[in-house]
């Protein structure tokens, strides 16, 4: 069982920044990719970013050049630095990882990010 706990969400004005954190209990954290997703009210959950075990990163077009995903294997933590936030970034942000041949999904409880003036 993999447990994920997100933190760092909050209320921020447009143009502001937040850094989300996701810590895991998984002892094998360093050898798996980690993901961030988000879900806005009334919408489906959508992909945000990936970081591979070797720290290669991939981003959704909507956040590219504004968000940065990173990882600290010693702390078993993945981060999402969000800059130049926009109202459309308002959502619950979820940390994700996948295990097994079928890629079973593990999710955290989510952290709310609200971008509003």
PDB file of N, CA and C in Angstrom:
ATOM      1  N   UNK A   1       0.839  -1.195   0.000  1.00  0.00           N
ATOM      2  CA  UNK A   1       0.000   0.000   0.000  1.00  0.00           C
ATOM      3  C   UNK A   1       0.872   1.242   0.000  1.00  0.00           C
ATOM      4  N   UNK A   2       0.549   2.160  -0.886  1.00  0.00           N
ATOM      5  CA  UNK A   2       1.297   3.407  -0.996  1.00  0.00           C
ATOM      6  C   UNK A   2       0.421   4.548  -0.489  1.00  0.00           C
ATOM      7  N   UNK A   3       0.937   5.278   0.469  1.00  0.00           N
ATOM      8  CA  UNK A   3       0.210   6.438   0.991  1.00  0.00           C
ATOM      9  C   UNK A   3       0.863   7.716   0.493  1.00  0.00           C
ATOM     10  N   UNK A   4       0.022   8.648   0.081  1.00  0.00           N
ATOM     11  CA  UNK A   4       0.478   9.939  -0.428  1.00  0.00           C
ATOM     12  C   UNK A   4      -0.259  11.037   0.334  1.00  0.00           C
ATOM     13  N   UNK A   5       0.479  12.049   0.770  1.00  0.00           N
ATOM     14  CA  UNK A   5      -0.126  13.148   1.519  1.00  0.00           C
ATOM     15  C   UNK A   5       0.326  14.471   0.916  1.00  0.00           C
ATOM     16  N   UNK A   6      -0.640  15.216   0.365  1.00  0.00           N
ATOM     17  CA  UNK A   6      -0.344  16.513  -0.230  1.00  0.00           C
ATOM     18  C   UNK A   6      -0.508  17.631   0.798  1.00  0.00           C
ATOM     19  N   UNK A   7       0.195  18.729   0.550  1.00  0.00           N
ATOM     20  CA  UNK A   7       0.045  19.931   1.367  1.00  0.00           C
ATOM     21  C   UNK A   7       0.499  21.132   0.543  1.00  0.00           C
ATOM     22  N   UNK A   8       0.202  22.323   1.065  1.00  0.00           N
ATOM     23  CA  UNK A   8       0.693  23.536   0.436  1.00  0.00           C
ATOM     24  C   UNK A   8      -0.333  24.344  -0.325  1.00  0.00           C
ATOM     25  N   UNK A   9      -1.549  23.829  -0.433  1.00  0.00           N
ATOM     26  CA  UNK A   9      -2.578  24.584  -1.130  1.00  0.00           C
ATOM     27  C   UNK A   9      -3.027  25.800  -0.336  1.00  0.00           C
ATOM     28  N   UNK A  10      -3.865  26.620  -0.979  1.00  0.00           N
ATOM     29  CA  UNK A  10      -4.372  27.806  -0.303  1.00  0.00           C
ATOM     30  C   UNK A  10      -4.993  28.772  -1.289  1.00  0.00           C
ATOM     31  N   UNK A  11      -5.258  29.963  -0.780  1.00  0.00           N
ATOM     32  CA  UNK A  11      -5.841  31.043  -1.579  1.00  0.00           C
ATOM     33  C   UNK A  11      -4.727  31.995  -2.002  1.00  0.00           C
ATOM     34  N   UNK A  12      -4.664  32.295  -3.285  1.00  0.00           N
ATOM     35  CA  UNK A  12      -3.630  33.182  -3.794  1.00  0.00           C
ATOM     36  C   UNK A  12      -4.232  34.082  -4.870  1.00  0.00           C
ATOM     37  N   UNK A  13      -3.698  35.285  -4.992  1.00  0.00           N
ATOM     38  CA  UNK A  13      -4.185  36.213  -6.012  1.00  0.00           C
ATOM     39  C   UNK A  13      -3.619  35.837  -7.384  1.00  0.00           C
ATOM     40  N   UNK A  14      -4.315  36.219  -8.437  1.00  0.00           N
ATOM     41  CA  UNK A  14      -3.760  35.989  -9.794  1.00  0.00           C
ATOM     42  C   UNK A  14      -2.367  36.573  -9.913  1.00  0.00           C
ATOM     43  N   UNK A  15      -1.479  35.803 -10.551  1.00  0.00           N
ATOM     44  CA  UNK A  15      -0.087  36.207 -10.674  1.00  0.00           C
ATOM     45  C   UNK A  15       0.788  35.739  -9.538  1.00  0.00           C
ATOM     46  N   UNK A  16       0.178  35.192  -8.502  1.00  0.00           N
ATOM     47  CA  UNK A  16       0.931  34.731  -7.349  1.00  0.00           C
ATOM     48  C   UNK A  16       1.512  33.337  -7.534  1.00  0.00           C
ATOM     49  N   UNK A  17       2.147  32.847  -6.466  1.00  0.00           N
ATOM     50  CA  UNK A  17       2.823  31.550  -6.506  1.00  0.00           C
ATOM     51  C   UNK A  17       2.448  30.704  -5.295  1.00  0.00           C
ATOM     52  N   UNK A  18       2.515  29.406  -5.497  1.00  0.00           N
ATOM     53  CA  UNK A  18       2.368  28.428  -4.422  1.00  0.00           C
ATOM     54  C   UNK A  18       3.293  27.253  -4.713  1.00  0.00           C
ATOM     55  N   UNK A  19       3.719  26.563  -3.660  1.00  0.00           N
ATOM     56  CA  UNK A  19       4.455  25.323  -3.832  1.00  0.00           C
ATOM     57  C   UNK A  19       3.727  24.205  -3.108  1.00  0.00           C
ATOM     58  N   UNK A  20       3.330  23.203  -3.869  1.00  0.00           N
ATOM     59  CA  UNK A  20       2.683  22.032  -3.304  1.00  0.00           C
ATOM     60  C   UNK A  20       3.728  20.967  -3.006  1.00  0.00           C
ATOM     61  N   UNK A  21       3.460  20.187  -1.967  1.00  0.00           N
ATOM     62  CA  UNK A  21       4.326  19.073  -1.605  1.00  0.00           C
ATOM     63  C   UNK A  21       3.498  17.803  -1.504  1.00  0.00           C
ATOM     64  N   UNK A  22       4.138  16.688  -1.792  1.00  0.00           N
ATOM     65  CA  UNK A  22       3.493  15.382  -1.645  1.00  0.00           C
ATOM     66  C   UNK A  22       4.531  14.429  -1.077  1.00  0.00           C
ATOM     67  N   UNK A  23       4.285  13.947   0.128  1.00  0.00           N
ATOM     68  CA  UNK A  23       5.207  13.021   0.770  1.00  0.00           C
ATOM     69  C   UNK A  23       4.578  11.630   0.752  1.00  0.00           C
ATOM     70  N   UNK A  24       5.429  10.635   0.551  1.00  0.00           N
ATOM     71  CA  UNK A  24       4.943   9.267   0.476  1.00  0.00           C
ATOM     72  C   UNK A  24       5.599   8.373   1.509  1.00  0.00           C
ATOM     73  N   UNK A  25       4.882   7.308   1.841  1.00  0.00           N
ATOM     74  CA  UNK A  25       5.424   6.310   2.759  1.00  0.00           C
ATOM     75  C   UNK A  25       6.201   5.228   1.999  1.00  0.00           C
ATOM     76  N   UNK A  26       6.131   5.244   0.679  1.00  0.00           N
ATOM     77  CA  UNK A  26       6.699   4.164  -0.118  1.00  0.00           C
ATOM     78  C   UNK A  26       8.223   4.118  -0.034  1.00  0.00           C
ATOM     79  N   UNK A  27       8.752   2.969   0.330  1.00  0.00           N
ATOM     80  CA  UNK A  27      10.205   2.824   0.456  1.00  0.00           C
ATOM     81  C   UNK A  27      10.887   2.802  -0.919  1.00  0.00           C
ATOM     82  N   UNK A  28      10.089   2.518  -1.978  1.00  0.00           N
ATOM     83  CA  UNK A  28      10.649   2.435  -3.327  1.00  0.00           C
ATOM     84  C   UNK A  28      10.399   3.715  -4.129  1.00  0.00           C
ATOM     85  N   UNK A  29      10.180   4.811  -3.433  1.00  0.00           N
ATOM     86  CA  UNK A  29       9.830   6.092  -4.064  1.00  0.00           C
ATOM     87  C   UNK A  29      10.777   6.445  -5.213  1.00  0.00           C
ATOM     88  N   UNK A  30      12.070   6.248  -5.031  1.00  0.00           N
ATOM     89  CA  UNK A  30      13.062   6.766  -5.974  1.00  0.00           C
ATOM     90  C   UNK A  30      13.028   6.085  -7.337  1.00  0.00           C
ATOM     91  N   UNK A  31      12.396   4.924  -7.453  1.00  0.00           N
ATOM     92  CA  UNK A  31      12.456   4.193  -8.716  1.00  0.00           C
ATOM     93  C   UNK A  31      11.168   4.301  -9.527  1.00  0.00           C
ATOM     94  N   UNK A  32      10.244   5.161  -9.063  1.00  0.00           N
ATOM     95  CA  UNK A  32       8.981   5.318  -9.774  1.00  0.00           C
ATOM     96  C   UNK A  32       8.736   6.761 -10.171  1.00  0.00           C
ATOM     97  N   UNK A  33       8.046   6.908 -11.296  1.00  0.00           N
ATOM     98  CA  UNK A  33       7.599   8.235 -11.702  1.00  0.00           C
ATOM     99  C   UNK A  33       6.525   8.741 -10.751  1.00  0.00           C
ATOM    100  N   UNK A  34       6.442  10.043 -10.645  1.00  0.00           N
ATOM    101  CA  UNK A  34       5.418  10.696  -9.838  1.00  0.00           C
ATOM    102  C   UNK A  34       4.670  11.694 -10.721  1.00  0.00           C
ATOM    103  N   UNK A  35       3.412  11.899 -10.378  1.00  0.00           N
ATOM    104  CA  UNK A  35       2.532  12.723 -11.203  1.00  0.00           C
ATOM    105  C   UNK A  35       1.749  13.701 -10.337  1.00  0.00           C
ATOM    106  N   UNK A  36       1.369  14.814 -10.963  1.00  0.00           N
ATOM    107  CA  UNK A  36       0.378  15.715 -10.393  1.00  0.00           C
ATOM    108  C   UNK A  36      -0.802  15.792 -11.362  1.00  0.00           C
ATOM    109  N   UNK A  37      -1.995  15.750 -10.786  1.00  0.00           N
ATOM    110  CA  UNK A  37      -3.245  15.949 -11.520  1.00  0.00           C
ATOM    111  C   UNK A  37      -4.035  17.024 -10.778  1.00  0.00           C
ATOM    112  N   UNK A  38      -5.086  17.520 -11.425  1.00  0.00           N
ATOM    113  CA  UNK A  38      -5.966  18.469 -10.751  1.00  0.00           C
ATOM    114  C   UNK A  38      -7.393  18.272 -11.231  1.00  0.00           C
ATOM    115  N   UNK A  39      -8.335  18.707 -10.392  1.00  0.00           N
ATOM    116  CA  UNK A  39      -9.746  18.586 -10.731  1.00  0.00           C
ATOM    117  C   UNK A  39     -10.462  19.853 -10.301  1.00  0.00           C
ATOM    118  N   UNK A  40     -10.966  20.573 -11.279  1.00  0.00           N
ATOM    119  CA  UNK A  40     -11.740  21.786 -11.023  1.00  0.00           C
ATOM    120  C   UNK A  40     -13.203  21.408 -10.793  1.00  0.00           C
ATOM    121  N   UNK A  41     -13.953  22.272 -10.108  1.00  0.00           N
ATOM    122  CA  UNK A  41     -15.366  21.972  -9.847  1.00  0.00           C
ATOM    123  C   UNK A  41     -16.134  21.700 -11.126  1.00  0.00           C
ATOM    124  N   UNK A  42     -16.853  20.593 -11.167  1.00  0.00           N
ATOM    125  CA  UNK A  42     -17.666  20.257 -12.313  1.00  0.00           C
ATOM    126  C   UNK A  42     -16.910  19.731 -13.513  1.00  0.00           C
ATOM    127  N   UNK A  43     -15.614  19.505 -13.342  1.00  0.00           N
ATOM    128  CA  UNK A  43     -14.804  19.020 -14.464  1.00  0.00           C
ATOM    129  C   UNK A  43     -14.134  17.703 -14.116  1.00  0.00           C
ATOM    130  N   UNK A  44     -13.647  17.016 -15.145  1.00  0.00           N
ATOM    131  CA  UNK A  44     -12.923  15.777 -14.920  1.00  0.00           C
ATOM    132  C   UNK A  44     -11.509  16.071 -14.439  1.00  0.00           C
ATOM    133  N   UNK A  45     -10.951  15.109 -13.752  1.00  0.00           N
ATOM    134  CA  UNK A  45      -9.569  15.235 -13.308  1.00  0.00           C
ATOM    135  C   UNK A  45      -8.675  15.295 -14.538  1.00  0.00           C
ATOM    136  N   UNK A  46      -7.688  16.201 -14.503  1.00  0.00           N
ATOM    137  CA  UNK A  46      -6.809  16.345 -15.661  1.00  0.00           C
ATOM    138  C   UNK A  46      -5.350  16.273 -15.239  1.00  0.00           C
ATOM    139  N   UNK A  47      -4.550  15.822 -16.177  1.00  0.00           N
ATOM    140  CA  UNK A  47      -3.121  15.665 -15.977  1.00  0.00           C
ATOM    141  C   UNK A  47      -2.430  17.016 -15.911  1.00  0.00           C
ATOM    142  N   UNK A  48      -1.433  17.137 -15.031  1.00  0.00           N
ATOM    143  CA  UNK A  48      -0.669  18.381 -14.899  1.00  0.00           C
ATOM    144  C   UNK A  48       0.806  18.167 -15.253  1.00  0.00           C
ATOM    145  N   UNK A  49       1.456  17.197 -14.596  1.00  0.00           N
ATOM    146  CA  UNK A  49       2.900  17.054 -14.791  1.00  0.00           C
ATOM    147  C   UNK A  49       3.369  15.680 -14.337  1.00  0.00           C
ATOM    148  N   UNK A  50       4.540  15.296 -14.868  1.00  0.00           N
ATOM    149  CA  UNK A  50       5.212  14.041 -14.527  1.00  0.00           C
ATOM    150  C   UNK A  50       6.675  14.315 -14.242  1.00  0.00           C
ATOM    151  N   UNK A  51       7.236  13.557 -13.300  1.00  0.00           N
ATOM    152  CA  UNK A  51       8.680  13.527 -13.127  1.00  0.00           C
ATOM    153  C   UNK A  51       9.109  12.069 -13.046  1.00  0.00           C
ATOM    154  N   UNK A  52      10.081  11.705 -13.881  1.00  0.00           N
ATOM    155  CA  UNK A  52      10.560  10.325 -13.929  1.00  0.00           C
ATOM    156  C   UNK A  52      11.536  10.061 -12.783  1.00  0.00           C
ATOM    157  N   UNK A  53      11.915   8.791 -12.593  1.00  0.00           N
ATOM    158  CA  UNK A  53      12.936   8.502 -11.571  1.00  0.00           C
ATOM    159  C   UNK A  53      14.239   9.266 -11.835  1.00  0.00           C
ATOM    160  N   UNK A  54      14.562   9.504 -13.086  1.00  0.00           N
ATOM    161  CA  UNK A  54      15.761  10.253 -13.429  1.00  0.00           C
ATOM    162  C   UNK A  54      15.556  11.749 -13.524  1.00  0.00           C
ATOM    163  N   UNK A  55      14.395  12.220 -13.042  1.00  0.00           N
ATOM    164  CA  UNK A  55      14.065  13.649 -12.971  1.00  0.00           C
ATOM    165  C   UNK A  55      13.758  14.275 -14.330  1.00  0.00           C
ATOM    166  N   UNK A  56      13.448  13.463 -15.315  1.00  0.00           N
ATOM    167  CA  UNK A  56      12.931  14.024 -16.566  1.00  0.00           C
ATOM    168  C   UNK A  56      11.503  14.490 -16.317  1.00  0.00           C
ATOM    169  N   UNK A  57      11.146  15.652 -16.862  1.00  0.00           N
ATOM    170  CA  UNK A  57       9.833  16.246 -16.584  1.00  0.00           C
ATOM    171  C   UNK A  57       9.013  16.434 -17.856  1.00  0.00           C
ATOM    172  N   UNK A  58       7.714  16.331 -17.680  1.00  0.00           N
ATOM    173  CA  UNK A  58       6.750  16.541 -18.760  1.00  0.00           C
ATOM    174  C   UNK A  58       5.607  17.350 -18.181  1.00  0.00           C
ATOM    175  N   UNK A  59       5.052  18.250 -18.992  1.00  0.00           N
ATOM    176  CA  UNK A  59       3.983  19.133 -18.510  1.00  0.00           C
ATOM    177  C   UNK A  59       2.818  19.179 -19.495  1.00  0.00           C
ATOM    178  N   UNK A  60       1.639  19.402 -18.947  1.00  0.00           N
ATOM    179  CA  UNK A  60       0.501  19.734 -19.790  1.00  0.00           C
ATOM    180  C   UNK A  60       0.741  21.112 -20.401  1.00  0.00           C
ATOM    181  N   UNK A  61       0.221  21.302 -21.588  1.00  0.00           N
ATOM    182  CA  UNK A  61       0.431  22.586 -22.284  1.00  0.00           C
ATOM    183  C   UNK A  61      -0.086  23.764 -21.463  1.00  0.00           C
ATOM    184  N   UNK A  62      -1.149  23.538 -20.707  1.00  0.00           N
ATOM    185  CA  UNK A  62      -1.788  24.623 -19.963  1.00  0.00           C
ATOM    186  C   UNK A  62      -0.922  25.169 -18.831  1.00  0.00           C
ATOM    187  N   UNK A  63       0.086  24.400 -18.394  1.00  0.00           N
ATOM    188  CA  UNK A  63       0.909  24.847 -17.267  1.00  0.00           C
ATOM    189  C   UNK A  63       2.374  25.004 -17.645  1.00  0.00           C
ATOM    190  N   UNK A  64       2.717  24.611 -18.859  1.00  0.00           N
ATOM    191  CA  UNK A  64       4.115  24.670 -19.293  1.00  0.00           C
ATOM    192  C   UNK A  64       4.643  26.088 -19.163  1.00  0.00           C
ATOM    193  N   UNK A  65       5.846  26.227 -18.673  1.00  0.00           N
ATOM    194  CA  UNK A  65       6.572  27.479 -18.432  1.00  0.00           C
ATOM    195  C   UNK A  65       6.115  28.207 -17.173  1.00  0.00           C
ATOM    196  N   UNK A  66       5.043  27.728 -16.531  1.00  0.00           N
ATOM    197  CA  UNK A  66       4.589  28.348 -15.275  1.00  0.00           C
ATOM    198  C   UNK A  66       4.787  27.427 -14.079  1.00  0.00           C
ATOM    199  N   UNK A  67       4.649  26.121 -14.291  1.00  0.00           N
ATOM    200  CA  UNK A  67       4.764  25.152 -13.203  1.00  0.00           C
ATOM    201  C   UNK A  67       6.062  24.372 -13.351  1.00  0.00           C
ATOM    202  N   UNK A  68       6.631  23.967 -12.200  1.00  0.00           N
ATOM    203  CA  UNK A  68       7.829  23.138 -12.197  1.00  0.00           C
ATOM    204  C   UNK A  68       7.648  21.990 -11.215  1.00  0.00           C
ATOM    205  N   UNK A  69       7.800  20.768 -11.711  1.00  0.00           N
ATOM    206  CA  UNK A  69       7.736  19.587 -10.846  1.00  0.00           C
ATOM    207  C   UNK A  69       9.162  19.179 -10.503  1.00  0.00           C
ATOM    208  N   UNK A  70       9.374  18.769  -9.260  1.00  0.00           N
ATOM    209  CA  UNK A  70      10.692  18.327  -8.821  1.00  0.00           C
ATOM    210  C   UNK A  70      10.513  17.247  -7.762  1.00  0.00           C
ATOM    211  N   UNK A  71      11.606  16.572  -7.417  1.00  0.00           N
ATOM    212  CA  UNK A  71      11.528  15.522  -6.425  1.00  0.00           C
ATOM    213  C   UNK A  71      12.779  15.524  -5.559  1.00  0.00           C
ATOM    214  N   UNK A  72      12.600  15.085  -4.310  1.00  0.00           N
ATOM    215  CA  UNK A  72      13.695  14.896  -3.374  1.00  0.00           C
ATOM    216  C   UNK A  72      13.592  13.454  -2.889  1.00  0.00           C
ATOM    217  N   UNK A  73      14.428  12.589  -3.431  1.00  0.00           N
ATOM    218  CA  UNK A  73      14.315  11.168  -3.107  1.00  0.00           C
ATOM    219  C   UNK A  73      14.654  10.882  -1.639  1.00  0.00           C
ATOM    220  N   UNK A  74      15.559  11.652  -1.068  1.00  0.00           N
ATOM    221  CA  UNK A  74      15.918  11.447   0.337  1.00  0.00           C
ATOM    222  C   UNK A  74      14.729  11.728   1.260  1.00  0.00           C
ATOM    223  N   UNK A  75      13.902  12.682   0.864  1.00  0.00           N
ATOM    224  CA  UNK A  75      12.725  13.039   1.665  1.00  0.00           C
ATOM    225  C   UNK A  75      11.465  12.334   1.174  1.00  0.00           C
ATOM    226  N   UNK A  76      11.597  11.557   0.094  1.00  0.00           N
ATOM    227  CA  UNK A  76      10.445  10.863  -0.497  1.00  0.00           C
ATOM    228  C   UNK A  76       9.303  11.839  -0.754  1.00  0.00           C
ATOM    229  N   UNK A  77       9.664  12.947  -1.364  1.00  0.00           N
ATOM    230  CA  UNK A  77       8.716  14.034  -1.581  1.00  0.00           C
ATOM    231  C   UNK A  77       8.807  14.530  -3.017  1.00  0.00           C
ATOM    232  N   UNK A  78       7.639  14.823  -3.591  1.00  0.00           N
ATOM    233  CA  UNK A  78       7.568  15.474  -4.892  1.00  0.00           C
ATOM    234  C   UNK A  78       6.916  16.837  -4.702  1.00  0.00           C
ATOM    235  N   UNK A  79       7.381  17.807  -5.478  1.00  0.00           N
ATOM    236  CA  UNK A  79       6.910  19.179  -5.341  1.00  0.00           C
ATOM    237  C   UNK A  79       6.299  19.657  -6.656  1.00  0.00           C
ATOM    238  N   UNK A  80       5.441  20.652  -6.532  1.00  0.00           N
ATOM    239  CA  UNK A  80       4.926  21.350  -7.706  1.00  0.00           C
ATOM    240  C   UNK A  80       4.987  22.848  -7.402  1.00  0.00           C
ATOM    241  N   UNK A  81       5.967  23.510  -8.014  1.00  0.00           N
ATOM    242  CA  UNK A  81       6.087  24.958  -7.886  1.00  0.00           C
ATOM    243  C   UNK A  81       5.205  25.599  -8.946  1.00  0.00           C
ATOM    244  N   UNK A  82       4.273  26.419  -8.506  1.00  0.00           N
ATOM    245  CA  UNK A  82       3.309  27.034  -9.415  1.00  0.00           C
ATOM    246  C   UNK A  82       3.483  28.544  -9.389  1.00  0.00           C
ATOM    247  N   UNK A  83       3.853  29.115 -10.509  1.00  0.00           N
ATOM    248  CA  UNK A  83       4.067  30.549 -10.631  1.00  0.00           C
ATOM    249  C   UNK A  83       3.058  31.153 -11.602  1.00  0.00           C
ATOM    250  N   UNK A  84       2.899  32.473 -11.507  1.00  0.00           N
ATOM    251  CA  UNK A  84       1.980  33.191 -12.395  1.00  0.00           C
ATOM    252  C   UNK A  84       0.614  32.489 -12.453  1.00  0.00           C
ATOM    253  N   UNK A  85       0.070  32.218 -11.276  1.00  0.00           N
ATOM    254  CA  UNK A  85      -1.187  31.485 -11.201  1.00  0.00           C
ATOM    255  C   UNK A  85      -2.335  32.284 -11.799  1.00  0.00           C
ATOM    256  N   UNK A  86      -3.264  31.551 -12.411  1.00  0.00           N
ATOM    257  CA  UNK A  86      -4.424  32.147 -13.061  1.00  0.00           C
ATOM    258  C   UNK A  86      -5.696  31.594 -12.411  1.00  0.00           C
ATOM    259  N   UNK A  87      -6.802  32.299 -12.515  1.00  0.00           N
ATOM    260  CA  UNK A  87      -8.060  31.782 -11.943  1.00  0.00           C
ATOM    261  C   UNK A  87      -8.411  30.389 -12.465  1.00  0.00           C
ATOM    262  N   UNK A  88      -8.065  30.101 -13.692  1.00  0.00           N
ATOM    263  CA  UNK A  88      -8.368  28.777 -14.256  1.00  0.00           C
ATOM    264  C   UNK A  88      -7.496  27.662 -13.676  1.00  0.00           C
ATOM    265  N   UNK A  89      -6.519  28.006 -12.857  1.00  0.00           N
ATOM    266  CA  UNK A  89      -5.731  27.001 -12.150  1.00  0.00           C
ATOM    267  C   UNK A  89      -6.429  26.540 -10.868  1.00  0.00           C
ATOM    268  N   UNK A  90      -7.525  27.181 -10.516  1.00  0.00           N
ATOM    269  CA  UNK A  90      -8.270  26.793  -9.324  1.00  0.00           C
ATOM    270  C   UNK A  90      -8.764  25.360  -9.448  1.00  0.00           C
ATOM    271  N   UNK A  91      -8.393  24.528  -8.473  1.00  0.00           N
ATOM    272  CA  UNK A  91      -8.733  23.107  -8.516  1.00  0.00           C
ATOM    273  C   UNK A  91      -8.223  22.433  -7.251  1.00  0.00           C
ATOM    274  N   UNK A  92      -8.648  21.205  -7.055  1.00  0.00           N
ATOM    275  CA  UNK A  92      -8.002  20.334  -6.068  1.00  0.00           C
ATOM    276  C   UNK A  92      -6.863  19.628  -6.783  1.00  0.00           C
ATOM    277  N   UNK A  93      -5.676  19.711  -6.215  1.00  0.00           N
ATOM    278  CA  UNK A  93      -4.488  19.116  -6.820  1.00  0.00           C
ATOM    279  C   UNK A  93      -4.162  17.798  -6.117  1.00  0.00           C
ATOM    280  N   UNK A  94      -3.920  16.780  -6.932  1.00  0.00           N
ATOM    281  CA  UNK A  94      -3.671  15.436  -6.425  1.00  0.00           C
ATOM    282  C   UNK A  94      -2.303  14.927  -6.866  1.00  0.00           C
ATOM    283  N   UNK A  95      -1.655  14.270  -5.931  1.00  0.00           N
ATOM    284  CA  UNK A  95      -0.414  13.561  -6.202  1.00  0.00           C
ATOM    285  C   UNK A  95      -0.782  12.137  -6.600  1.00  0.00           C
ATOM    286  N   UNK A  96       0.016  11.550  -7.491  1.00  0.00           N
ATOM    287  CA  UNK A  96      -0.298  10.213  -8.007  1.00  0.00           C
ATOM    288  C   UNK A  96       0.980   9.436  -8.264  1.00  0.00           C
ATOM    289  N   UNK A  97       0.889   8.123  -8.062  1.00  0.00           N
ATOM    290  CA  UNK A  97       1.934   7.225  -8.516  1.00  0.00           C
ATOM    291  C   UNK A  97       1.281   5.929  -8.960  1.00  0.00           C
ATOM    292  N   UNK A  98       2.020   5.120  -9.670  1.00  0.00           N
ATOM    293  CA  UNK A  98       1.458   3.911 -10.248  1.00  0.00           C
ATOM    294  C   UNK A  98       2.359   2.723  -9.925  1.00  0.00           C
ATOM    295  N   UNK A  99       1.722   1.580  -9.670  1.00  0.00           N
ATOM    296  CA  UNK A  99       2.472   0.394  -9.313  1.00  0.00           C
ATOM    297  C   UNK A  99       1.926  -0.823 -10.052  1.00  0.00           C
ATOM    298  N   UNK A 100       2.795  -1.797 -10.250  1.00  0.00           N
ATOM    299  CA  UNK A 100       2.372  -3.074 -10.792  1.00  0.00           C
ATOM    300  C   UNK A 100       2.269  -3.066 -12.298  1.00  0.00           C
ATOM    301  N   UNK A 101       2.107  -4.269 -12.842  1.00  0.00           N
ATOM    302  CA  UNK A 101       2.066  -4.441 -14.299  1.00  0.00           C
ATOM    303  C   UNK A 101       0.868  -3.729 -14.913  1.00  0.00           C
ATOM    304  N   UNK A 102      -0.188  -3.564 -14.152  1.00  0.00           N
ATOM    305  CA  UNK A 102      -1.375  -2.888 -14.662  1.00  0.00           C
ATOM    306  C   UNK A 102      -1.391  -1.399 -14.346  1.00  0.00           C
ATOM    307  N   UNK A 103      -0.321  -0.912 -13.705  1.00  0.00           N
ATOM    308  CA  UNK A 103      -0.249   0.510 -13.416  1.00  0.00           C
ATOM    309  C   UNK A 103      -1.331   0.985 -12.472  1.00  0.00           C
ATOM    310  N   UNK A 104      -1.553   0.232 -11.414  1.00  0.00           N
ATOM    311  CA  UNK A 104      -2.573   0.632 -10.440  1.00  0.00           C
ATOM    312  C   UNK A 104      -2.263   2.025  -9.920  1.00  0.00           C
ATOM    313  N   UNK A 105      -3.308   2.857  -9.863  1.00  0.00           N
ATOM    314  CA  UNK A 105      -3.159   4.232  -9.402  1.00  0.00           C
ATOM    315  C   UNK A 105      -3.283   4.339  -7.891  1.00  0.00           C
ATOM    316  N   UNK A 106      -2.404   5.153  -7.327  1.00  0.00           N
ATOM    317  CA  UNK A 106      -2.501   5.538  -5.920  1.00  0.00           C
ATOM    318  C   UNK A 106      -2.620   7.062  -5.877  1.00  0.00           C
ATOM    319  N   UNK A 107      -3.549   7.547  -5.032  1.00  0.00           N
ATOM    320  CA  UNK A 107      -3.851   8.972  -4.963  1.00  0.00           C
ATOM    321  C   UNK A 107      -3.744   9.472  -3.544  1.00  0.00           C
ATOM    322  N   UNK A 108      -3.348  10.726  -3.420  1.00  0.00           N
ATOM    323  CA  UNK A 108      -3.451  11.393  -2.141  1.00  0.00           C
ATOM    324  C   UNK A 108      -4.859  11.925  -1.952  1.00  0.00           C
ATOM    325  N   UNK A 109      -5.054  12.650  -0.848  1.00  0.00           N
ATOM    326  CA  UNK A 109      -6.379  13.176  -0.528  1.00  0.00           C
ATOM    327  C   UNK A 109      -6.669  14.488  -1.247  1.00  0.00           C
ATOM    328  N   UNK A 110      -5.632  15.092  -1.808  1.00  0.00           N
ATOM    329  CA  UNK A 110      -5.782  16.341  -2.543  1.00  0.00           C
ATOM    330  C   UNK A 110      -5.567  17.564  -1.673  1.00  0.00           C
ATOM    331  N   UNK A 111      -5.178  18.656  -2.315  1.00  0.00           N
ATOM    332  CA  UNK A 111      -5.030  19.940  -1.634  1.00  0.00           C
ATOM    333  C   UNK A 111      -5.654  21.022  -2.507  1.00  0.00           C
ATOM    334  N   UNK A 112      -6.458  21.879  -1.897  1.00  0.00           N
ATOM    335  CA  UNK A 112      -7.219  22.885  -2.645  1.00  0.00           C
ATOM    336  C   UNK A 112      -6.346  24.092  -2.976  1.00  0.00           C
ATOM    337  N   UNK A 113      -6.372  24.475  -4.236  1.00  0.00           N
ATOM    338  CA  UNK A 113      -5.728  25.701  -4.692  1.00  0.00           C
ATOM    339  C   UNK A 113      -6.807  26.608  -5.271  1.00  0.00           C
ATOM    340  N   UNK A 114      -6.904  27.814  -4.733  1.00  0.00           N
ATOM    341  CA  UNK A 114      -7.882  28.788  -5.209  1.00  0.00           C
ATOM    342  C   UNK A 114      -7.155  30.056  -5.623  1.00  0.00           C
ATOM    343  N   UNK A 115      -7.364  30.449  -6.871  1.00  0.00           N
ATOM    344  CA  UNK A 115      -6.735  31.652  -7.412  1.00  0.00           C
ATOM    345  C   UNK A 115      -7.833  32.679  -7.648  1.00  0.00           C
ATOM    346  N   UNK A 116      -7.824  33.711  -6.830  1.00  0.00           N
ATOM    347  CA  UNK A 116      -8.900  34.698  -6.892  1.00  0.00           C
ATOM    348  C   UNK A 116      -8.437  36.013  -6.298  1.00  0.00           C
ATOM    349  N   UNK A 117      -8.968  37.097  -6.837  1.00  0.00           N
ATOM    350  CA  UNK A 117      -8.669  38.414  -6.280  1.00  0.00           C
ATOM    351  C   UNK A 117      -9.759  38.827  -5.290  1.00  0.00           C
TER     352      UNK A 117
END
